Amino acid sequence: LSTSKDPVTTNDITAHLASKFSLLEPELLIQVGAIPSLSGYPPWCLRVTEIVPVRSLPCNRFAFEECLEAFNKRDIRLGK
């Protein structure tokens, strides 16, 4: 991308990243711990992702199931 004289657009970056990496748009991201983090995901891959925090460590099965229940109760509206 940097060797081209043409301006770089967001579509160029998206296409380049998609060709190199398998960047999926997850529906659910479980944030473990008290420090807010995107867990290494680029923000443009998380545009419709629901982020559910787990404050307690270690994360156990009960906490994981609570996250799934919280996600299941959310009303997801994607617009047009």
C-alpha atoms as a PDB file:
ATOM      1  CA  LEU A   1       0.000   0.000   0.000  1.00  0.00           C
ATOM      2  CA  SER A   2       2.736   2.476   0.838  1.00  0.00           C
ATOM      3  CA  THR A   3       4.498   2.029  -2.524  1.00  0.00           C
ATOM      4  CA  SER A   4       1.495   3.307  -4.485  1.00  0.00           C
ATOM      5  CA  LYS A   5       1.212   6.994  -5.325  1.00  0.00           C
ATOM      6  CA  ASP A   6      -2.578   6.771  -5.080  1.00  0.00           C
ATOM      7  CA  PRO A   7      -4.190   7.814  -1.792  1.00  0.00           C
ATOM      8  CA  VAL A   8      -4.895   4.948   0.604  1.00  0.00           C
ATOM      9  CA  THR A   9      -8.574   4.482   1.449  1.00  0.00           C
ATOM     10  CA  THR A  10     -10.294   2.501   4.172  1.00  0.00           C
ATOM     11  CA  ASN A  11     -11.452   0.043   1.511  1.00  0.00           C
ATOM     12  CA  ASP A  12      -7.812  -0.505   0.492  1.00  0.00           C
ATOM     13  CA  ILE A  13      -6.826  -1.215   4.091  1.00  0.00           C
ATOM     14  CA  THR A  14      -9.790  -3.540   4.633  1.00  0.00           C
ATOM     15  CA  ALA A  15      -9.024  -5.504   1.462  1.00  0.00           C
ATOM     16  CA  HIS A  16      -5.332  -5.741   2.342  1.00  0.00           C
ATOM     17  CA  LEU A  17      -6.023  -6.976   5.879  1.00  0.00           C
ATOM     18  CA  ALA A  18      -8.674  -9.439   4.674  1.00  0.00           C
ATOM     19  CA  SER A  19      -6.184 -10.934   2.219  1.00  0.00           C
ATOM     20  CA  LYS A  20      -3.550 -11.443   4.936  1.00  0.00           C
ATOM     21  CA  PHE A  21      -5.651 -12.329   7.979  1.00  0.00           C
ATOM     22  CA  SER A  22      -8.922 -14.024   8.744  1.00  0.00           C
ATOM     23  CA  LEU A  23     -10.667 -11.064  10.363  1.00  0.00           C
ATOM     24  CA  LEU A  24     -14.164 -12.056  11.333  1.00  0.00           C
ATOM     25  CA  GLU A  25     -16.802  -9.887  12.934  1.00  0.00           C
ATOM     26  CA  PRO A  26     -17.602 -11.738  16.168  1.00  0.00           C
ATOM     27  CA  GLU A  27     -21.065 -11.347  17.640  1.00  0.00           C
ATOM     28  CA  LEU A  28     -19.808 -11.639  21.230  1.00  0.00           C
ATOM     29  CA  LEU A  29     -16.571 -10.555  22.889  1.00  0.00           C
ATOM     30  CA  ILE A  30     -16.097 -11.577  26.509  1.00  0.00           C
ATOM     31  CA  GLN A  31     -13.875  -9.059  28.280  1.00  0.00           C
ATOM     32  CA  VAL A  32     -12.101 -10.768  31.180  1.00  0.00           C
ATOM     33  CA  GLY A  33     -10.781  -8.623  34.022  1.00  0.00           C
ATOM     34  CA  ALA A  34     -11.265  -5.017  35.085  1.00  0.00           C
ATOM     35  CA  ILE A  35      -9.087  -3.415  32.395  1.00  0.00           C
ATOM     36  CA  PRO A  36     -11.059  -2.473  29.247  1.00  0.00           C
ATOM     37  CA  SER A  37      -9.529  -4.125  26.197  1.00  0.00           C
ATOM     38  CA  LEU A  38     -10.475  -5.055  22.644  1.00  0.00           C
ATOM     39  CA  SER A  39      -8.529  -8.306  23.058  1.00  0.00           C
ATOM     40  CA  GLY A  40      -6.299  -7.617  20.067  1.00  0.00           C
ATOM     41  CA  TYR A  41      -9.157  -7.123  17.614  1.00  0.00           C
ATOM     42  CA  PRO A  42      -8.997  -4.064  15.361  1.00  0.00           C
ATOM     43  CA  PRO A  43     -11.920  -1.753  16.175  1.00  0.00           C
ATOM     44  CA  TRP A  44     -13.412  -1.945  12.673  1.00  0.00           C
ATOM     45  CA  CYS A  45     -13.985  -5.685  13.182  1.00  0.00           C
ATOM     46  CA  LEU A  46     -16.013  -4.999  16.320  1.00  0.00           C
ATOM     47  CA  ARG A  47     -18.542  -2.552  14.902  1.00  0.00           C
ATOM     48  CA  VAL A  48     -21.531  -4.801  15.723  1.00  0.00           C
ATOM     49  CA  THR A  49     -19.928  -6.897  18.477  1.00  0.00           C
ATOM     50  CA  GLU A  50     -21.547  -7.047  21.900  1.00  0.00           C
ATOM     51  CA  ILE A  51     -18.883  -6.712  24.601  1.00  0.00           C
ATOM     52  CA  VAL A  52     -19.830  -8.482  27.839  1.00  0.00           C
ATOM     53  CA  PRO A  53     -17.474  -8.016  30.803  1.00  0.00           C
ATOM     54  CA  VAL A  54     -16.430 -10.678  33.327  1.00  0.00           C
ATOM     55  CA  ARG A  55     -15.006  -8.794  36.295  1.00  0.00           C
ATOM     56  CA  SER A  56     -13.887 -11.723  38.428  1.00  0.00           C
ATOM     57  CA  LEU A  57     -10.775 -13.769  37.860  1.00  0.00           C
ATOM     58  CA  PRO A  58     -10.349 -16.604  37.228  1.00  0.00           C
ATOM     59  CA  CYS A  59     -13.185 -16.853  34.746  1.00  0.00           C
ATOM     60  CA  ASN A  60     -15.089 -20.057  35.459  1.00  0.00           C
ATOM     61  CA  ARG A  61     -17.926 -21.924  33.776  1.00  0.00           C
ATOM     62  CA  PHE A  62     -20.569 -20.085  35.797  1.00  0.00           C
ATOM     63  CA  ALA A  63     -19.205 -16.666  34.758  1.00  0.00           C
ATOM     64  CA  PHE A  64     -19.037 -17.805  31.134  1.00  0.00           C
ATOM     65  CA  GLU A  65     -22.653 -19.011  31.231  1.00  0.00           C
ATOM     66  CA  GLU A  66     -23.717 -15.673  32.759  1.00  0.00           C
ATOM     67  CA  CYS A  67     -22.075 -13.891  29.801  1.00  0.00           C
ATOM     68  CA  LEU A  68     -23.957 -16.091  27.359  1.00  0.00           C
ATOM     69  CA  GLU A  69     -27.243 -15.400  29.164  1.00  0.00           C
ATOM     70  CA  ALA A  70     -26.571 -11.637  29.165  1.00  0.00           C
ATOM     71  CA  PHE A  71     -25.787 -11.761  25.446  1.00  0.00           C
ATOM     72  CA  ASN A  72     -28.910 -13.811  24.761  1.00  0.00           C
ATOM     73  CA  LYS A  73     -31.106 -11.179  26.467  1.00  0.00           C
ATOM     74  CA  ARG A  74     -29.755  -8.251  24.428  1.00  0.00           C
ATOM     75  CA  ASP A  75     -31.769  -6.721  21.627  1.00  0.00           C
ATOM     76  CA  ILE A  76     -29.405  -6.350  18.676  1.00  0.00           C
ATOM     77  CA  ARG A  77     -30.440  -3.774  16.085  1.00  0.00           C
ATOM     78  CA  LEU A  78     -28.244  -3.490  13.023  1.00  0.00           C
ATOM     79  CA  GLY A  79     -30.180  -0.806  11.151  1.00  0.00           C
ATOM     80  CA  LYS A  80     -30.485  -0.626   7.374  1.00  0.00           C
END
